Protein backbone atom coordinates (compact mmCIF):
# COMPACT_ATOMS: atom_id res chain seq x y z
CA MET A 1 46.06 66.90 -30.62
CA SER A 2 44.42 66.70 -26.90
CA SER A 3 42.14 69.42 -26.12
CA LEU A 4 45.23 69.22 -23.48
CA GLY A 5 47.05 70.46 -25.97
CA ILE A 6 45.53 72.61 -27.98
CA VAL A 7 45.02 75.39 -24.85
CA ILE A 8 48.50 74.72 -24.12
CA TRP A 9 49.16 76.48 -28.07
CA ILE A 10 46.61 79.02 -27.53
CA ALA A 11 48.38 80.17 -23.98
CA THR A 12 51.49 80.17 -25.74
CA PHE A 13 50.78 82.12 -28.52
CA ALA A 14 48.43 84.81 -26.38
CA LEU A 15 52.26 85.36 -23.70
CA CYS A 16 53.70 85.54 -27.09
CA ALA A 17 51.64 88.35 -28.90
CA VAL A 18 52.28 90.08 -24.73
CA TYR A 19 55.78 90.30 -25.75
CA PHE A 20 55.62 91.07 -28.86
CA PHE A 21 54.05 93.71 -28.36
CA ILE A 22 56.40 95.23 -25.66
CA ALA A 23 59.36 94.68 -27.58
CA ILE A 24 58.01 96.70 -30.52
CA LYS A 25 56.62 99.58 -28.48
CA GLN A 26 60.75 100.18 -26.74
CA LYS A 27 61.99 98.91 -30.66
CA LYS A 28 62.41 103.08 -30.88
CA GLU A 29 63.97 104.11 -27.77
CA ALA A 30 66.29 101.55 -27.96
CA GLU A 31 67.40 102.66 -31.35
CA LEU A 32 68.22 105.91 -30.11
CA SER A 33 71.71 104.35 -29.25
CA PHE A 34 74.35 101.18 -28.39
CA SER A 35 73.72 101.99 -24.76
CA ASN A 36 70.27 101.60 -24.46
CA TYR A 37 69.76 98.65 -26.73
CA ALA A 38 72.57 96.92 -24.50
CA ILE A 39 71.89 98.06 -21.40
CA GLY A 40 68.74 100.59 -21.42
CA GLY A 41 71.29 103.82 -21.08
CA GLY A 42 72.34 103.07 -17.32
CA LYS A 43 68.38 104.39 -16.69
CA ILE A 44 67.07 100.55 -14.91
CA PRO A 45 65.15 101.23 -11.52
CA PHE A 46 64.65 98.18 -8.77
CA PHE A 47 61.83 96.54 -9.40
CA LEU A 48 62.15 95.91 -13.25
CA LEU A 49 66.03 94.63 -12.61
CA PHE A 50 64.41 92.38 -9.53
CA PHE A 51 62.69 90.26 -11.15
CA THR A 52 64.66 89.80 -14.39
CA HIS A 53 67.26 88.64 -11.91
CA PHE A 54 64.81 86.42 -10.82
CA ALA A 55 62.77 85.24 -13.84
CA ASN A 56 66.63 84.67 -16.19
CA ILE A 57 67.72 82.24 -13.30
CA MET A 58 64.08 80.27 -13.11
CA GLY A 59 64.72 79.66 -17.17
CA VAL A 60 62.34 76.43 -18.20
CA GLY A 61 66.64 74.81 -18.25
CA ASN A 62 66.46 75.35 -14.84
CA PHE A 63 63.34 74.47 -14.15
CA MET A 64 62.89 70.79 -15.68
CA GLY A 65 67.16 70.34 -16.17
CA HIS A 66 67.34 70.51 -12.31
CA ALA A 67 64.49 68.65 -11.30
CA GLY A 68 65.22 66.65 -13.98
CA SER A 69 69.15 65.89 -12.78
CA ALA A 70 68.27 65.26 -9.23
CA TYR A 71 66.11 62.46 -10.16
CA ILE A 72 68.37 61.20 -11.98
CA ASN A 73 71.60 62.21 -8.98
CA GLY A 74 69.99 63.00 -5.46
CA LEU A 75 70.48 65.41 -3.26
CA PRO A 76 74.04 65.26 -4.51
CA TRP A 77 72.96 67.39 -7.29
CA LEU A 78 72.62 70.44 -4.65
CA ALA A 79 75.87 70.71 -4.21
CA PHE A 80 75.35 72.18 -8.30
CA ILE A 81 72.46 74.27 -7.46
CA VAL A 82 73.77 75.62 -4.00
CA GLY A 83 77.13 76.84 -6.44
CA GLU A 84 74.99 78.05 -8.74
CA GLN A 85 72.45 79.74 -7.16
CA GLY A 86 74.35 81.21 -4.31
CA SER A 87 77.49 82.54 -6.53
CA LYS A 88 74.51 85.43 -6.96
CA ILE A 89 74.43 86.15 -3.85
CA ILE A 90 78.51 86.11 -3.83
CA PHE A 91 77.99 88.38 -6.80
CA ALA A 92 75.56 90.63 -5.08
CA ILE A 93 78.17 91.33 -1.93
CA PHE A 94 81.45 91.17 -3.92
CA PHE A 95 80.78 93.03 -7.93
CA ALA A 96 77.19 94.20 -8.02
CA GLY A 97 78.73 97.09 -6.43
CA LEU A 98 81.49 97.84 -8.22
CA ALA A 99 79.15 96.78 -11.98
CA GLY A 100 76.42 99.45 -10.76
CA ARG A 101 79.25 102.14 -10.51
CA MET A 102 79.71 102.02 -13.61
CA THR A 103 78.00 102.30 -17.41
CA TYR A 104 79.55 99.38 -19.59
CA ASN A 105 77.87 97.60 -22.37
CA THR A 106 79.56 93.92 -21.05
CA PHE A 107 82.05 92.37 -18.88
CA PRO A 108 84.75 92.03 -21.15
CA GLU A 109 85.12 95.74 -21.94
CA MET A 110 84.99 96.19 -17.93
CA ILE A 111 87.72 93.30 -18.54
CA ASP A 112 90.11 95.77 -20.89
CA ASP A 113 89.39 98.95 -19.64
CA LEU A 114 90.04 98.05 -16.59
CA ILE A 115 92.74 95.29 -15.63
CA THR A 116 94.41 94.58 -19.34
CA ARG A 117 93.99 97.33 -22.06
CA ASP A 118 94.32 94.34 -24.96
CA LYS A 119 91.97 93.58 -28.06
CA ILE A 120 93.35 89.63 -28.02
CA THR A 121 92.09 89.28 -23.67
CA ARG A 122 89.01 90.85 -24.66
CA ALA A 123 88.10 88.83 -27.49
CA LEU A 124 88.97 86.27 -26.13
CA CYS A 125 87.09 87.09 -22.84
CA GLY A 126 84.17 87.60 -25.48
CA VAL A 127 84.24 83.80 -26.98
CA LEU A 128 84.42 81.81 -23.77
CA ALA A 129 81.49 84.44 -21.67
CA SER A 130 79.27 83.85 -24.84
CA SER A 131 79.88 80.45 -24.93
CA ILE A 132 78.08 80.53 -21.42
CA MET A 133 74.96 82.15 -23.03
CA ILE A 134 74.39 80.16 -26.39
CA ALA A 135 74.50 77.27 -23.89
CA TRP A 136 71.50 78.73 -21.96
CA VAL A 137 69.33 79.45 -25.00
CA GLY A 138 70.30 76.28 -26.27
CA GLY A 139 69.32 75.05 -23.10
CA GLN A 140 65.58 76.25 -23.24
CA GLY A 141 64.94 75.63 -26.35
CA LYS A 142 65.38 71.78 -25.83
CA ALA A 143 63.93 71.99 -22.44
CA PHE A 144 60.20 73.61 -24.44
CA GLY A 145 60.55 70.97 -27.48
CA GLN A 146 60.46 68.10 -24.40
CA LEU A 147 57.55 70.29 -22.67
CA PHE A 148 56.10 69.90 -26.12
CA ALA A 149 56.69 66.80 -27.06
CA THR A 150 55.54 65.35 -24.26
CA PHE A 151 52.15 67.81 -24.43
CA THR A 152 51.01 67.77 -27.79
CA GLY A 153 52.75 64.87 -29.22
CA VAL A 154 54.94 66.85 -31.70
CA SER A 155 58.41 66.01 -32.38
CA PRO A 156 60.71 67.81 -30.43
CA GLU A 157 63.66 68.91 -33.55
CA PRO A 158 60.83 71.65 -35.54
CA ILE A 159 59.74 72.42 -31.30
CA ILE A 160 63.45 73.46 -30.29
CA ILE A 161 63.51 76.13 -33.79
CA ILE A 162 60.22 77.33 -33.52
CA PHE A 163 60.53 78.78 -30.14
CA THR A 164 64.45 79.77 -31.04
CA VAL A 165 62.66 81.38 -34.23
CA MET A 166 60.02 83.12 -31.59
CA PHE A 167 63.00 83.83 -29.14
CA VAL A 168 65.31 85.69 -31.99
CA VAL A 169 62.05 87.71 -33.23
CA TYR A 170 61.70 89.65 -30.59
CA THR A 171 64.82 90.12 -28.33
CA THR A 172 65.52 91.91 -31.44
CA MET A 173 63.23 94.27 -31.85
CA GLY A 174 63.97 96.24 -28.33
CA GLY A 175 67.68 95.07 -26.78
CA MET A 176 66.89 95.63 -22.40
CA LEU A 177 64.44 98.10 -22.56
CA SER A 178 62.28 95.32 -24.06
CA LEU A 179 63.74 92.95 -22.12
CA VAL A 180 63.04 94.33 -18.59
CA TRP A 181 59.18 94.99 -18.57
CA MET A 182 59.34 91.23 -20.31
CA ASP A 183 60.97 90.31 -17.16
CA LEU A 184 58.38 92.03 -15.17
CA ILE A 185 55.23 90.23 -16.03
CA GLN A 186 57.34 86.52 -16.29
CA GLY A 187 58.89 87.26 -13.39
CA VAL A 188 55.49 88.06 -11.10
CA ILE A 189 53.89 84.40 -13.03
CA CYS A 190 56.56 82.63 -11.81
CA VAL A 191 57.09 84.08 -8.17
CA GLY A 192 52.48 83.55 -8.23
CA PHE A 193 52.04 80.05 -9.43
CA GLY A 194 55.69 79.30 -8.94
CA ALA A 195 54.43 79.04 -4.48
CA ILE A 196 51.29 77.33 -6.59
CA PHE A 197 53.06 74.79 -8.31
CA TYR A 198 54.58 74.00 -4.88
CA LEU A 199 52.17 73.55 -2.56
CA ILE A 200 50.84 70.70 -5.05
CA ALA A 201 54.18 69.46 -5.62
CA PHE A 202 55.28 69.21 -2.35
CA SER A 203 51.54 67.99 -1.28
CA LYS A 204 52.76 63.86 -2.41
CA ILE A 205 54.90 63.88 0.67
CA ASP A 206 52.23 65.33 2.67
CA PHE A 207 55.20 68.08 3.75
CA SER A 208 58.10 65.73 5.04
CA MET A 209 61.10 65.51 4.33
CA ALA A 210 60.93 62.72 6.11
CA VAL A 211 57.88 60.56 4.55
CA LEU A 212 59.98 61.60 1.15
CA GLY A 213 62.76 59.94 2.83
CA GLN A 214 61.05 56.70 3.56
CA LYS A 215 58.77 56.74 0.45
CA LEU A 216 62.05 56.75 -1.32
CA ALA A 217 63.59 53.76 0.53
CA ALA A 218 60.64 51.94 -0.40
CA VAL A 219 60.81 52.21 -3.83
CA GLY A 220 64.52 51.24 -3.41
CA LYS A 221 66.74 54.72 -3.70
CA ALA A 222 67.26 55.61 -0.75
CA GLU A 223 70.72 56.03 -1.49
CA LEU A 224 69.85 59.27 -3.32
CA PHE A 225 68.73 61.03 -0.54
CA THR A 226 71.55 61.02 1.43
CA PHE A 227 75.40 62.87 0.96
CA ALA A 228 76.46 59.38 2.12
CA GLY A 229 79.13 57.69 0.39
CA THR A 230 79.42 60.45 -2.12
CA ASP A 231 82.79 61.72 -2.97
CA LYS A 232 83.64 65.14 -0.96
CA ILE A 233 85.55 66.31 -4.56
CA SER A 234 83.27 65.17 -6.63
CA LEU A 235 80.34 67.25 -4.42
CA ILE A 236 83.03 70.30 -3.97
CA THR A 237 83.28 70.22 -8.12
CA LYS A 238 80.09 70.21 -8.45
CA PHE A 239 79.88 73.51 -6.38
CA VAL A 240 82.28 75.32 -7.77
CA THR A 241 81.26 74.71 -10.84
CA GLY A 242 78.29 76.76 -11.21
CA CYS A 243 79.64 79.01 -9.22
CA ILE A 244 82.47 79.79 -11.22
CA GLY A 245 80.50 80.02 -14.70
CA ILE A 246 77.83 82.36 -12.74
CA LEU A 247 80.28 84.76 -11.80
CA VAL A 248 81.46 85.30 -15.41
CA ALA A 249 77.96 85.46 -17.17
CA GLN A 250 77.47 88.32 -19.22
CA LEU A 251 73.59 87.78 -17.62
CA TYR A 252 74.90 89.15 -14.14
CA TRP A 253 77.20 92.32 -15.53
CA GLN A 254 74.54 93.21 -17.08
CA PRO A 255 72.25 94.15 -16.02
CA CYS A 256 74.23 95.63 -13.40
CA TYR A 257 75.92 98.27 -15.37
CA ALA A 258 71.82 99.05 -16.51
CA ALA A 259 70.46 99.66 -13.07
CA LYS A 260 70.33 103.48 -12.35
CA SER A 261 72.75 103.37 -8.94
CA PRO A 262 75.23 101.46 -6.77
CA LEU A 263 72.63 100.36 -4.19
CA VAL A 264 70.20 99.13 -7.16
CA ALA A 265 72.53 96.93 -8.95
CA ARG A 266 73.72 95.32 -5.37
CA ARG A 267 69.87 94.96 -4.11
CA SER A 268 68.11 93.78 -7.31
CA MET A 269 70.99 90.41 -7.48
CA PHE A 270 70.78 89.91 -3.55
CA PHE A 271 66.85 89.43 -3.28
CA GLY A 272 66.60 88.55 -7.31
CA GLY A 273 69.04 85.40 -6.46
CA GLY A 274 67.94 85.47 -2.52
CA VAL A 275 64.71 83.98 -4.31
CA ALA A 276 65.52 82.42 -6.93
CA ILE A 277 68.25 79.66 -4.24
CA ILE A 278 64.90 79.03 -2.58
CA TYR A 279 63.20 78.17 -5.67
CA THR A 280 65.57 76.44 -7.51
CA VAL A 281 65.88 74.19 -4.41
CA LEU A 282 62.60 73.53 -3.83
CA THR A 283 62.85 72.85 -7.38
CA ALA A 284 65.03 69.36 -7.63
CA MET A 285 63.43 68.29 -4.64
CA VAL A 286 60.58 68.09 -6.94
CA GLY A 287 62.73 65.61 -9.03
CA LEU A 288 62.99 63.69 -5.46
CA VAL A 289 58.83 63.97 -5.59
CA ILE A 290 58.46 62.73 -9.10
CA LEU A 291 61.23 59.52 -8.20
CA THR A 292 58.96 57.99 -6.16
CA LEU A 293 56.22 58.01 -8.07
CA ASN A 294 57.75 56.57 -11.18
CA GLN A 295 61.36 55.61 -11.57
CA GLY A 296 61.45 54.62 -15.37
CA LEU A 297 62.16 58.15 -16.70
CA ASP A 298 65.29 59.76 -17.55
CA ALA A 299 66.06 63.54 -17.00
CA ASN A 300 64.50 65.23 -19.91
CA SER A 301 61.21 64.22 -19.22
CA ALA A 302 60.81 63.37 -15.38
CA MET A 303 58.98 66.86 -14.91
CA PRO A 304 56.72 66.50 -18.49
CA TRP A 305 55.13 63.22 -17.25
CA PHE A 306 55.08 65.15 -13.71
CA MET A 307 52.58 68.14 -14.92
CA LEU A 308 50.77 65.81 -16.95
CA ASN A 309 49.99 62.94 -14.87
CA GLU A 310 49.63 63.30 -11.29
CA VAL A 311 48.15 67.20 -11.41
CA SER A 312 44.59 68.52 -12.70
CA PRO A 313 44.75 70.15 -16.09
CA VAL A 314 43.84 73.22 -14.70
CA VAL A 315 47.05 73.03 -12.84
CA THR A 316 48.77 71.56 -15.94
CA VAL A 317 48.23 74.99 -18.26
CA MET A 318 49.45 77.10 -15.18
CA ILE A 319 52.68 74.84 -14.70
CA PHE A 320 52.99 75.65 -18.62
CA ILE A 321 52.30 79.26 -17.83
CA LEU A 322 55.09 79.34 -15.14
CA VAL A 323 57.99 76.71 -17.34
CA PHE A 324 56.92 79.08 -20.76
CA ALA A 325 57.14 82.31 -18.97
CA ALA A 326 60.13 81.43 -16.74
CA GLY A 327 62.22 79.73 -19.87
CA MET A 328 61.22 83.01 -22.39
CA SER A 329 62.86 84.94 -19.81
CA SER A 330 66.23 83.54 -19.59
CA ALA A 331 66.49 82.45 -23.08
CA ASP A 332 65.65 85.69 -25.00
CA SER A 333 68.08 87.92 -22.03
CA ASN A 334 70.54 85.49 -22.75
CA LEU A 335 70.23 85.81 -26.71
CA ASN A 336 70.95 88.80 -26.46
CA ALA A 337 73.94 89.41 -24.19
CA ALA A 338 75.74 86.82 -26.62
CA ALA A 339 75.03 88.81 -29.09
CA ILE A 340 76.60 92.17 -27.87
CA LEU A 341 79.70 90.15 -26.30
CA ILE A 342 80.22 89.01 -29.49
CA THR A 343 79.79 92.26 -31.22
CA ASN A 344 81.13 94.57 -28.71
CA ASP A 345 84.38 92.49 -28.18
CA LEU A 346 84.90 90.67 -30.72
CA VAL A 347 84.06 93.30 -33.77
CA ARG A 348 84.12 96.21 -32.76
CA PRO A 349 88.27 96.30 -31.00
CA PHE A 350 89.07 94.85 -34.26
CA ARG A 351 87.79 97.88 -36.48
CA LYS A 352 90.20 99.96 -38.75
CA ASN A 353 86.98 102.79 -37.85
CA GLU A 354 85.54 103.52 -34.70
CA MET A 355 81.34 101.60 -35.50
CA THR A 356 78.32 103.78 -35.32
CA ASP A 357 75.34 102.67 -33.10
CA ALA A 358 73.39 102.19 -35.81
CA GLU A 359 75.72 100.24 -37.37
CA MET A 360 76.52 98.05 -33.83
CA ILE A 361 73.08 97.50 -33.14
CA LYS A 362 71.94 96.07 -36.90
CA LEU A 363 75.49 93.60 -36.11
CA THR A 364 74.06 92.81 -32.91
CA ARG A 365 70.47 91.96 -34.35
CA ILE A 366 72.46 89.81 -37.30
CA LEU A 367 74.08 87.76 -34.65
CA THR A 368 71.18 87.33 -32.35
CA VAL A 369 69.79 85.09 -35.59
CA ALA A 370 73.15 83.56 -35.99
CA ILE A 371 73.83 83.00 -32.63
CA GLY A 372 70.10 81.41 -32.40
CA ALA A 373 70.73 79.26 -35.54
CA ALA A 374 73.97 77.76 -32.98
CA ALA A 375 71.71 77.90 -30.31
CA ALA A 376 69.32 75.63 -31.89
CA PHE A 377 71.86 73.36 -32.88
CA GLY A 378 72.81 72.45 -29.56
CA GLY A 379 69.57 72.45 -27.95
CA ILE A 380 68.82 69.83 -30.55
CA TYR A 381 71.94 67.59 -29.91
CA ALA A 382 72.78 68.10 -26.43
CA SER A 383 72.36 64.28 -23.97
CA THR A 384 71.06 66.87 -21.73
CA ILE A 385 70.07 69.96 -20.47
CA MET A 386 72.54 70.51 -17.38
CA SER A 387 75.25 69.47 -19.73
CA LEU A 388 74.84 71.92 -22.03
CA PHE A 389 75.36 74.93 -19.19
CA SER A 390 78.26 72.62 -16.75
CA LYS A 391 80.41 72.85 -20.08
CA ALA A 392 80.19 76.19 -20.50
CA TYR A 393 80.42 76.99 -17.06
CA SER A 394 83.30 75.24 -16.10
CA MET A 395 84.86 76.08 -19.97
CA ALA A 396 84.54 80.13 -18.70
CA GLY A 397 84.48 80.03 -15.81
CA ALA A 398 87.87 78.30 -15.37
CA GLY A 399 90.00 80.73 -18.00
CA LEU A 400 87.97 83.83 -16.62
CA VAL A 401 87.04 84.01 -12.80
CA PRO A 402 91.84 83.88 -11.86
CA LEU A 403 91.86 87.10 -14.40
CA LEU A 404 88.77 89.08 -13.32
CA VAL A 405 89.39 88.08 -9.48
CA ILE A 406 93.35 88.43 -9.08
CA GLY A 407 92.89 91.99 -11.84
CA LEU A 408 90.65 93.62 -8.97
CA LEU A 409 92.91 93.26 -6.30
CA TRP A 410 96.23 92.92 -8.13
CA LYS A 411 96.83 96.93 -7.91
CA GLU A 412 99.24 98.94 -9.23
CA ASN A 413 98.26 102.06 -6.98
CA SER A 414 96.53 100.03 -4.23
CA ALA A 415 95.31 102.80 -2.47
CA GLU A 416 92.65 103.48 -5.71
CA GLU A 417 89.26 102.57 -6.40
CA HIS A 418 88.54 101.14 -9.82
CA THR A 419 87.63 103.50 -12.43
CA MET A 420 86.29 104.02 -15.71
CA SER A 421 88.33 104.18 -18.16
CA LYS A 422 91.64 103.99 -15.93
CA LYS A 423 93.37 101.04 -15.56
CA ASN A 424 95.37 99.91 -12.30
CA SER A 425 96.08 96.56 -12.28
CA LYS A 426 99.51 94.66 -12.56
CA ILE A 427 98.53 91.82 -14.88
CA THR A 428 100.00 92.08 -18.75
CA PRO A 429 97.92 90.79 -21.58
CA TRP A 430 100.82 88.13 -21.64
CA GLY A 431 99.82 86.77 -18.39
CA ALA A 432 96.42 87.18 -19.10
CA ARG A 433 96.04 85.49 -22.22
CA VAL A 434 98.21 82.03 -21.66
CA GLY A 435 95.68 82.22 -18.18
CA ILE A 436 92.38 82.16 -20.11
CA VAL A 437 93.75 79.81 -22.32
CA VAL A 438 94.89 77.10 -20.11
CA GLY A 439 92.28 77.30 -17.73
CA SER A 440 90.01 77.14 -20.11
CA VAL A 441 91.98 74.17 -21.83
CA LEU A 442 92.41 72.21 -18.71
CA SER A 443 89.14 72.09 -18.17
CA GLN A 444 87.78 70.03 -20.28
CA MET A 445 90.35 67.92 -20.02
CA PRO A 446 88.60 63.68 -18.85
CA ALA A 447 91.92 62.88 -18.15
CA LEU A 448 92.50 64.76 -14.91
CA GLY A 449 89.08 63.25 -13.78
CA PRO A 450 87.06 65.34 -11.50
CA ASN A 451 89.71 67.32 -10.59
CA ALA A 452 89.73 69.08 -13.89
CA VAL A 453 88.26 72.28 -12.52
CA LEU A 454 89.91 73.13 -9.45
CA ILE A 455 93.34 72.30 -11.19
CA ALA A 456 92.50 74.30 -13.71
CA LEU A 457 91.32 77.28 -11.70
CA THR A 458 94.85 76.65 -10.21
CA ALA A 459 96.91 76.28 -13.17
CA SER A 460 95.26 79.70 -14.98
CA ALA A 461 96.02 81.97 -11.53
CA VAL A 462 99.56 80.70 -10.71
CA CYS A 463 100.44 81.38 -14.70
CA ILE A 464 98.80 84.72 -14.54
CA VAL A 465 101.31 86.52 -12.19
CA VAL A 466 103.81 84.49 -13.15
CA ILE A 467 103.85 85.48 -16.86
CA SER A 468 102.53 88.89 -15.60
CA LEU A 469 105.71 89.19 -13.22
CA LEU A 470 107.93 88.13 -16.56
CA THR A 471 106.43 89.95 -19.00
CA GLN A 472 106.04 93.38 -17.14
CA ASN A 473 108.49 95.11 -18.94
CA VAL A 474 107.46 93.78 -22.38
CA LYS A 475 105.96 96.38 -24.80
CA ASN A 476 102.36 95.82 -25.83
CA ASN A 477 102.28 95.37 -29.51
CA PRO A 478 100.54 97.97 -30.74
CA LYS A 479 98.33 96.41 -33.25
CA PHE A 480 96.74 94.40 -30.19
CA VAL A 481 96.43 97.44 -27.62
CA SER A 482 93.32 98.60 -27.99
CA GLU A 483 92.21 102.14 -26.81
CA GLY A 484 89.57 102.41 -24.06
CA ASN A 485 86.44 103.04 -25.36
CA VAL A 486 83.95 103.53 -22.44
CA ASN A 487 80.49 104.22 -22.85
CA PRO A 488 81.01 107.30 -20.45
CA LEU A 489 77.70 107.23 -18.44
CA ILE A 490 78.38 108.80 -15.69
CA LYS A 491 75.69 107.08 -12.66
CA GLU A 492 74.54 108.58 -9.22
CA TYR A 493 75.28 107.08 -5.30
């Protein structure tokens, strides 16, 4: 192994030691209640949530995945990025304040309490929402495997497994309380080292987009530096796919429920998301810079090649620490979110006896291990990092976004604000169930072509409204009606 590889392993273990120390320190307080474990008791301040939002977004999957996708697809890939990252701003404006007023443990729990009061719908929401989180964890593992394979020569598969084990171990300890403190460290690293990295990368084109275009033309890739000739429907689909998946991601609802006030929820998401948009677009442009230097790479190896061949060893280690911190932040938060979703929305509602906090924390930890194994499997066998993300985005988004938007707008009493423990929506359980299934299934049908996501969203919305109108007077089966168990914490405005 090279000296660079040895330094990278030392840096890896040093950072992991810091993260384990934080997790152990927060373990006792996290175990006081499931609310503490899931949302930090709903009392997390702005500075922690700001870095949590930013660090989660700048995961190694995004850092390497977007650069690689832009390397292959060129500027049209920005449509996906603007949809994916711009949705944070949409979320901050329209949903973060709502979430910040409440203390639900999960997004499906909110849907259940405010809109449907139906266990089956809650479980379907939990399955789809967790698919996004599992895909993200798998994407982080795949990116780590590729990164370490490039620097150390070790096969990617065992690296994916090793890092997944690391994600699992320290995520199970302190839950949300440990994650936000880890994200503070990781977010500071991402902001500082990221800025240095972009300065180095864009020095290759003299900090000029015109020079970038000229260099791409010189290597026969001029068509990737333009939107001309790109199918508009394809661009719209990329934008919508990126956008809808984020709007129903537990990773973004959970910190808002954890915020100590609605204002903190809105501001942390808005500013954290705003910084992330800038950094992610710059990352994609780095992919095009790499293309001017080497045209024989694939999407997964573009960023590692640049780090290994185009910067000094000292800078390489710095960039590695940046990527490692970003990846660990995203992986731990997603793993935690997925386990909490399954515990809270697939298991808890169907238990005959109410689960104690200790039982729920124990089950969440067990599920963290199981989900980590599933994510590692996905990371090993997925063709590219972004293929994991986009499939989960389209399936969950098409199934859940119409339910969320229509459910919040189509009120039984239009003059009343949504408040915890009070259903105020005209959507019926059957309308919600059919809409979710139709949207998620249609989004994955190749026969629908590039319009699949748009068709799925429309069909889901129509089914929700029509079937709800037809079943307004149908009594719910008591076996499947939720009892509205929600977290009773009250926040100050």
